[in-house]
Amino acid sequence: MILSEVRDYLRERGQATLGDIALHFDSDPEAVRGMLEVWVRKGKAERSTLMPACGSGCNKCDVASTEIYRWR
């Protein structure tokens, strides 16, 4: 997995969760997050977080499934 592959995947999908991207590249979510942050810093992608359906803010949901990246 290289930076341009992550870019191309996100461009094609428009948006994806951290978990989906990590699964696609068979990589650790933390490694993928580091690459995505390069695109966020360059203003090419943006990161947001879904609120869990329960709305309780208990933080029991997997972060990789609630952290979303969008290509700008």
PDB file of N, CA and C in Angstrom:
ATOM      1  N   MET A   1       0.852  -1.177   0.000  1.00  0.00           N
ATOM      2  CA  MET A   1       0.000   0.000   0.000  1.00  0.00           C
ATOM      3  C   MET A   1       0.893   1.234   0.000  1.00  0.00           C
ATOM      4  N   ILE A   2       0.641   2.111  -0.977  1.00  0.00           N
ATOM      5  CA  ILE A   2       1.364   3.373  -1.028  1.00  0.00           C
ATOM      6  C   ILE A   2       0.356   4.515  -1.037  1.00  0.00           C
ATOM      7  N   LEU A   3       0.854   5.686  -0.781  1.00  0.00           N
ATOM      8  CA  LEU A   3       0.005   6.864  -0.642  1.00  0.00           C
ATOM      9  C   LEU A   3      -0.917   7.072  -1.840  1.00  0.00           C
ATOM     10  N   SER A   4      -0.409   6.892  -3.037  1.00  0.00           N
ATOM     11  CA  SER A   4      -1.247   7.104  -4.226  1.00  0.00           C
ATOM     12  C   SER A   4      -2.356   6.054  -4.338  1.00  0.00           C
ATOM     13  N   GLU A   5      -2.122   4.848  -3.839  1.00  0.00           N
ATOM     14  CA  GLU A   5      -3.168   3.824  -3.868  1.00  0.00           C
ATOM     15  C   GLU A   5      -4.303   4.184  -2.919  1.00  0.00           C
ATOM     16  N   VAL A   6      -3.949   4.720  -1.768  1.00  0.00           N
ATOM     17  CA  VAL A   6      -4.973   5.170  -0.812  1.00  0.00           C
ATOM     18  C   VAL A   6      -5.767   6.317  -1.432  1.00  0.00           C
ATOM     19  N   ARG A   7      -5.075   7.245  -2.066  1.00  0.00           N
ATOM     20  CA  ARG A   7      -5.736   8.368  -2.745  1.00  0.00           C
ATOM     21  C   ARG A   7      -6.709   7.865  -3.801  1.00  0.00           C
ATOM     22  N   ASP A   8      -6.252   6.952  -4.648  1.00  0.00           N
ATOM     23  CA  ASP A   8      -7.092   6.446  -5.726  1.00  0.00           C
ATOM     24  C   ASP A   8      -8.323   5.722  -5.195  1.00  0.00           C
ATOM     25  N   TYR A   9      -8.146   4.949  -4.148  1.00  0.00           N
ATOM     26  CA  TYR A   9      -9.271   4.229  -3.555  1.00  0.00           C
ATOM     27  C   TYR A   9     -10.312   5.210  -3.023  1.00  0.00           C
ATOM     28  N   LEU A  10      -9.848   6.227  -2.307  1.00  0.00           N
ATOM     29  CA  LEU A  10     -10.776   7.200  -1.736  1.00  0.00           C
ATOM     30  C   LEU A  10     -11.427   8.044  -2.824  1.00  0.00           C
ATOM     31  N   ARG A  11     -10.698   8.387  -3.849  1.00  0.00           N
ATOM     32  CA  ARG A  11     -11.270   9.135  -4.986  1.00  0.00           C
ATOM     33  C   ARG A  11     -12.395   8.344  -5.640  1.00  0.00           C
ATOM     34  N   GLU A  12     -12.150   7.070  -5.880  1.00  0.00           N
ATOM     35  CA  GLU A  12     -13.152   6.220  -6.530  1.00  0.00           C
ATOM     36  C   GLU A  12     -14.413   6.065  -5.692  1.00  0.00           C
ATOM     37  N   ARG A  13     -14.242   5.911  -4.395  1.00  0.00           N
ATOM     38  CA  ARG A  13     -15.385   5.694  -3.518  1.00  0.00           C
ATOM     39  C   ARG A  13     -16.055   6.990  -3.091  1.00  0.00           C
ATOM     40  N   GLY A  14     -15.307   8.075  -3.079  1.00  0.00           N
ATOM     41  CA  GLY A  14     -15.856   9.343  -2.604  1.00  0.00           C
ATOM     42  C   GLY A  14     -15.712   9.490  -1.108  1.00  0.00           C
ATOM     43  N   GLN A  15     -16.073   8.437  -0.382  1.00  0.00           N
ATOM     44  CA  GLN A  15     -15.906   8.406   1.064  1.00  0.00           C
ATOM     45  C   GLN A  15     -15.844   6.956   1.514  1.00  0.00           C
ATOM     46  N   ALA A  16     -15.202   6.737   2.638  1.00  0.00           N
ATOM     47  CA  ALA A  16     -15.086   5.385   3.193  1.00  0.00           C
ATOM     48  C   ALA A  16     -14.676   5.490   4.651  1.00  0.00           C
ATOM     49  N   THR A  17     -15.038   4.483   5.423  1.00  0.00           N
ATOM     50  CA  THR A  17     -14.597   4.452   6.811  1.00  0.00           C
ATOM     51  C   THR A  17     -13.146   4.001   6.869  1.00  0.00           C
ATOM     52  N   LEU A  18     -12.506   4.333   7.952  1.00  0.00           N
ATOM     53  CA  LEU A  18     -11.139   3.897   8.167  1.00  0.00           C
ATOM     54  C   LEU A  18     -11.057   2.377   8.112  1.00  0.00           C
ATOM     55  N   GLY A  19     -12.043   1.715   8.692  1.00  0.00           N
ATOM     56  CA  GLY A  19     -12.068   0.257   8.692  1.00  0.00           C
ATOM     57  C   GLY A  19     -12.178  -0.331   7.299  1.00  0.00           C
ATOM     58  N   ASP A  20     -13.015   0.270   6.450  1.00  0.00           N
ATOM     59  CA  ASP A  20     -13.164  -0.216   5.073  1.00  0.00           C
ATOM     60  C   ASP A  20     -11.858  -0.078   4.292  1.00  0.00           C
ATOM     61  N   ILE A  21     -11.190   1.044   4.478  1.00  0.00           N
ATOM     62  CA  ILE A  21      -9.940   1.276   3.760  1.00  0.00           C
ATOM     63  C   ILE A  21      -8.871   0.302   4.250  1.00  0.00           C
ATOM     64  N   ALA A  22      -8.780   0.120   5.558  1.00  0.00           N
ATOM     65  CA  ALA A  22      -7.802  -0.813   6.118  1.00  0.00           C
ATOM     66  C   ALA A  22      -8.078  -2.236   5.636  1.00  0.00           C
ATOM     67  N   LEU A  23      -9.337  -2.619   5.588  1.00  0.00           N
ATOM     68  CA  LEU A  23      -9.710  -3.950   5.110  1.00  0.00           C
ATOM     69  C   LEU A  23      -9.336  -4.126   3.648  1.00  0.00           C
ATOM     70  N   HIS A  24      -9.621  -3.121   2.838  1.00  0.00           N
ATOM     71  CA  HIS A  24      -9.304  -3.187   1.411  1.00  0.00           C
ATOM     72  C   HIS A  24      -7.809  -3.422   1.185  1.00  0.00           C
ATOM     73  N   PHE A  25      -6.977  -2.751   1.959  1.00  0.00           N
ATOM     74  CA  PHE A  25      -5.533  -2.864   1.788  1.00  0.00           C
ATOM     75  C   PHE A  25      -4.903  -3.904   2.717  1.00  0.00           C
ATOM     76  N   ASP A  26      -5.742  -4.612   3.481  1.00  0.00           N
ATOM     77  CA  ASP A  26      -5.262  -5.624   4.418  1.00  0.00           C
ATOM     78  C   ASP A  26      -4.151  -5.048   5.294  1.00  0.00           C
ATOM     79  N   SER A  27      -4.459  -3.887   5.890  1.00  0.00           N
ATOM     80  CA  SER A  27      -3.467  -3.159   6.693  1.00  0.00           C
ATOM     81  C   SER A  27      -4.051  -2.771   8.041  1.00  0.00           C
ATOM     82  N   ASP A  28      -3.181  -2.422   8.944  1.00  0.00           N
ATOM     83  CA  ASP A  28      -3.572  -1.946  10.258  1.00  0.00           C
ATOM     84  C   ASP A  28      -4.222  -0.571  10.120  1.00  0.00           C
ATOM     85  N   PRO A  29      -5.364  -0.336  10.767  1.00  0.00           N
ATOM     86  CA  PRO A  29      -6.020   0.971  10.667  1.00  0.00           C
ATOM     87  C   PRO A  29      -5.120   2.147  11.045  1.00  0.00           C
ATOM     88  N   GLU A  30      -4.224   1.949  11.993  1.00  0.00           N
ATOM     89  CA  GLU A  30      -3.323   3.042  12.387  1.00  0.00           C
ATOM     90  C   GLU A  30      -2.375   3.419  11.255  1.00  0.00           C
ATOM     91  N   ALA A  31      -1.898   2.435  10.498  1.00  0.00           N
ATOM     92  CA  ALA A  31      -1.019   2.711   9.365  1.00  0.00           C
ATOM     93  C   ALA A  31      -1.781   3.462   8.276  1.00  0.00           C
ATOM     94  N   VAL A  32      -3.019   3.036   8.049  1.00  0.00           N
ATOM     95  CA  VAL A  32      -3.852   3.686   7.033  1.00  0.00           C
ATOM     96  C   VAL A  32      -4.179   5.114   7.464  1.00  0.00           C
ATOM     97  N   ARG A  33      -4.473   5.296   8.732  1.00  0.00           N
ATOM     98  CA  ARG A  33      -4.793   6.630   9.251  1.00  0.00           C
ATOM     99  C   ARG A  33      -3.633   7.592   8.987  1.00  0.00           C
ATOM    100  N   GLY A  34      -2.411   7.129   9.194  1.00  0.00           N
ATOM    101  CA  GLY A  34      -1.240   7.972   8.946  1.00  0.00           C
ATOM    102  C   GLY A  34      -1.174   8.436   7.500  1.00  0.00           C
ATOM    103  N   MET A  35      -1.485   7.540   6.589  1.00  0.00           N
ATOM    104  CA  MET A  35      -1.463   7.913   5.167  1.00  0.00           C
ATOM    105  C   MET A  35      -2.612   8.868   4.844  1.00  0.00           C
ATOM    106  N   LEU A  36      -3.768   8.614   5.401  1.00  0.00           N
ATOM    107  CA  LEU A  36      -4.911   9.495   5.154  1.00  0.00           C
ATOM    108  C   LEU A  36      -4.671  10.894   5.706  1.00  0.00           C
ATOM    109  N   GLU A  37      -3.981  10.974   6.826  1.00  0.00           N
ATOM    110  CA  GLU A  37      -3.705  12.277   7.417  1.00  0.00           C
ATOM    111  C   GLU A  37      -2.823  13.138   6.519  1.00  0.00           C
ATOM    112  N   VAL A  38      -2.001  12.511   5.690  1.00  0.00           N
ATOM    113  CA  VAL A  38      -1.218  13.277   4.712  1.00  0.00           C
ATOM    114  C   VAL A  38      -2.166  14.020   3.786  1.00  0.00           C
ATOM    115  N   TRP A  39      -3.193  13.320   3.291  1.00  0.00           N
ATOM    116  CA  TRP A  39      -4.160  13.952   2.376  1.00  0.00           C
ATOM    117  C   TRP A  39      -5.020  14.979   3.103  1.00  0.00           C
ATOM    118  N   VAL A  40      -5.310  14.740   4.371  1.00  0.00           N
ATOM    119  CA  VAL A  40      -6.075  15.724   5.151  1.00  0.00           C
ATOM    120  C   VAL A  40      -5.257  17.003   5.309  1.00  0.00           C
ATOM    121  N   ARG A  41      -3.986  16.870   5.665  1.00  0.00           N
ATOM    122  CA  ARG A  41      -3.116  18.051   5.829  1.00  0.00           C
ATOM    123  C   ARG A  41      -2.977  18.841   4.531  1.00  0.00           C
ATOM    124  N   LYS A  42      -2.986  18.145   3.401  1.00  0.00           N
ATOM    125  CA  LYS A  42      -2.869  18.820   2.101  1.00  0.00           C
ATOM    126  C   LYS A  42      -4.200  19.411   1.643  1.00  0.00           C
ATOM    127  N   GLY A  43      -5.274  19.163   2.407  1.00  0.00           N
ATOM    128  CA  GLY A  43      -6.582  19.702   2.060  1.00  0.00           C
ATOM    129  C   GLY A  43      -7.302  18.916   0.973  1.00  0.00           C
ATOM    130  N   LYS A  44      -6.831  17.722   0.681  1.00  0.00           N
ATOM    131  CA  LYS A  44      -7.442  16.898  -0.370  1.00  0.00           C
ATOM    132  C   LYS A  44      -8.529  15.978   0.171  1.00  0.00           C
ATOM    133  N   ALA A  45      -8.461  15.671   1.451  1.00  0.00           N
ATOM    134  CA  ALA A  45      -9.450  14.798   2.089  1.00  0.00           C
ATOM    135  C   ALA A  45      -9.867  15.437   3.407  1.00  0.00           C
ATOM    136  N   GLU A  46     -10.995  14.993   3.917  1.00  0.00           N
ATOM    137  CA  GLU A  46     -11.432  15.477   5.227  1.00  0.00           C
ATOM    138  C   GLU A  46     -11.886  14.288   6.059  1.00  0.00           C
ATOM    139  N   ARG A  47     -11.701  14.417   7.353  1.00  0.00           N
ATOM    140  CA  ARG A  47     -12.069  13.361   8.291  1.00  0.00           C
ATOM    141  C   ARG A  47     -13.259  13.822   9.115  1.00  0.00           C
ATOM    142  N   SER A  48     -14.192  12.908   9.339  1.00  0.00           N
ATOM    143  CA  SER A  48     -15.309  13.191  10.227  1.00  0.00           C
ATOM    144  C   SER A  48     -15.631  11.923  11.003  1.00  0.00           C
ATOM    145  N   THR A  49     -16.438  12.065  12.015  1.00  0.00           N
ATOM    146  CA  THR A  49     -16.803  10.933  12.855  1.00  0.00           C
ATOM    147  C   THR A  49     -18.311  10.817  12.912  1.00  0.00           C
ATOM    148  N   LEU A  50     -18.786   9.609  12.702  1.00  0.00           N
ATOM    149  CA  LEU A  50     -20.217   9.344  12.836  1.00  0.00           C
ATOM    150  C   LEU A  50     -20.579   9.279  14.310  1.00  0.00           C
ATOM    151  N   MET A  51     -21.735   9.757  14.623  1.00  0.00           N
ATOM    152  CA  MET A  51     -22.233   9.570  15.968  1.00  0.00           C
ATOM    153  C   MET A  51     -22.804   8.165  16.054  1.00  0.00           C
ATOM    154  N   PRO A  52     -22.524   7.443  17.116  1.00  0.00           N
ATOM    155  CA  PRO A  52     -23.104   6.110  17.239  1.00  0.00           C
ATOM    156  C   PRO A  52     -24.620   6.185  17.264  1.00  0.00           C
ATOM    157  N   ALA A  53     -25.264   5.158  16.758  1.00  0.00           N
ATOM    158  CA  ALA A  53     -26.721   5.128  16.677  1.00  0.00           C
ATOM    159  C   ALA A  53     -27.373   5.301  18.045  1.00  0.00           C
ATOM    160  N   CYS A  54     -26.708   4.834  19.081  1.00  0.00           N
ATOM    161  CA  CYS A  54     -27.296   4.950  20.418  1.00  0.00           C
ATOM    162  C   CYS A  54     -27.235   6.384  20.930  1.00  0.00           C
ATOM    163  N   GLY A  55     -26.275   7.169  20.443  1.00  0.00           N
ATOM    164  CA  GLY A  55     -26.172   8.562  20.855  1.00  0.00           C
ATOM    165  C   GLY A  55     -25.706   8.765  22.279  1.00  0.00           C
ATOM    166  N   SER A  56     -25.279   7.685  22.925  1.00  0.00           N
ATOM    167  CA  SER A  56     -24.923   7.805  24.339  1.00  0.00           C
ATOM    168  C   SER A  56     -23.517   8.335  24.567  1.00  0.00           C
ATOM    169  N   GLY A  57     -22.663   8.284  23.534  1.00  0.00           N
ATOM    170  CA  GLY A  57     -21.304   8.760  23.711  1.00  0.00           C
ATOM    171  C   GLY A  57     -20.465   7.862  24.598  1.00  0.00           C
ATOM    172  N   CYS A  58     -20.794   6.572  24.644  1.00  0.00           N
ATOM    173  CA  CYS A  58     -20.105   5.650  25.546  1.00  0.00           C
ATOM    174  C   CYS A  58     -18.740   5.215  25.013  1.00  0.00           C
ATOM    175  N   ASN A  59     -18.450   5.474  23.741  1.00  0.00           N
ATOM    176  CA  ASN A  59     -17.170   5.127  23.119  1.00  0.00           C
ATOM    177  C   ASN A  59     -16.913   3.628  23.029  1.00  0.00           C
ATOM    178  N   LYS A  60     -17.955   2.814  23.010  1.00  0.00           N
ATOM    179  CA  LYS A  60     -17.784   1.370  22.866  1.00  0.00           C
ATOM    180  C   LYS A  60     -17.746   0.940  21.405  1.00  0.00           C
ATOM    181  N   CYS A  61     -18.114   1.829  20.489  1.00  0.00           N
ATOM    182  CA  CYS A  61     -18.077   1.504  19.065  1.00  0.00           C
ATOM    183  C   CYS A  61     -16.628   1.497  18.591  1.00  0.00           C
ATOM    184  N   ASP A  62     -16.342   0.643  17.625  1.00  0.00           N
ATOM    185  CA  ASP A  62     -15.008   0.576  17.035  1.00  0.00           C
ATOM    186  C   ASP A  62     -14.728   1.878  16.289  1.00  0.00           C
ATOM    187  N   VAL A  63     -13.655   2.547  16.641  1.00  0.00           N
ATOM    188  CA  VAL A  63     -13.311   3.827  16.022  1.00  0.00           C
ATOM    189  C   VAL A  63     -13.152   3.676  14.511  1.00  0.00           C
ATOM    190  N   ALA A  64     -12.602   2.562  14.056  1.00  0.00           N
ATOM    191  CA  ALA A  64     -12.382   2.349  12.621  1.00  0.00           C
ATOM    192  C   ALA A  64     -13.688   2.326  11.841  1.00  0.00           C
ATOM    193  N   SER A  65     -14.791   1.983  12.504  1.00  0.00           N
ATOM    194  CA  SER A  65     -16.069   1.945  11.799  1.00  0.00           C
ATOM    195  C   SER A  65     -16.829   3.262  11.877  1.00  0.00           C
ATOM    196  N   THR A  66     -16.391   4.163  12.736  1.00  0.00           N
ATOM    197  CA  THR A  66     -17.088   5.449  12.865  1.00  0.00           C
ATOM    198  C   THR A  66     -16.288   6.620  12.317  1.00  0.00           C
ATOM    199  N   GLU A  67     -15.032   6.394  11.973  1.00  0.00           N
ATOM    200  CA  GLU A  67     -14.179   7.443  11.420  1.00  0.00           C
ATOM    201  C   GLU A  67     -14.275   7.389   9.888  1.00  0.00           C
ATOM    202  N   ILE A  68     -14.781   8.470   9.295  1.00  0.00           N
ATOM    203  CA  ILE A  68     -15.026   8.504   7.853  1.00  0.00           C
ATOM    204  C   ILE A  68     -14.110   9.515   7.186  1.00  0.00           C
ATOM    205  N   TYR A  69     -13.598   9.131   6.038  1.00  0.00           N
ATOM    206  CA  TYR A  69     -12.771  10.022   5.213  1.00  0.00           C
ATOM    207  C   TYR A  69     -13.479  10.289   3.900  1.00  0.00           C
ATOM    208  N   ARG A  70     -13.480  11.540   3.480  1.00  0.00           N
ATOM    209  CA  ARG A  70     -14.103  11.949   2.218  1.00  0.00           C
ATOM    210  C   ARG A  70     -13.064  12.635   1.341  1.00  0.00           C
ATOM    211  N   TRP A  71     -13.100  12.312   0.064  1.00  0.00           N
ATOM    212  CA  TRP A  71     -12.231  13.017  -0.888  1.00  0.00           C
ATOM    213  C   TRP A  71     -12.899  14.317  -1.246  1.00  0.00           C
ATOM    214  N   ARG A  72     -12.155  15.418  -1.311  1.00  0.00           N
ATOM    215  CA  ARG A  72     -12.738  16.736  -1.596  1.00  0.00           C
ATOM    216  C   ARG A  72     -12.733  17.044  -3.058  1.00  0.00           C
TER     217      ARG A  72
END
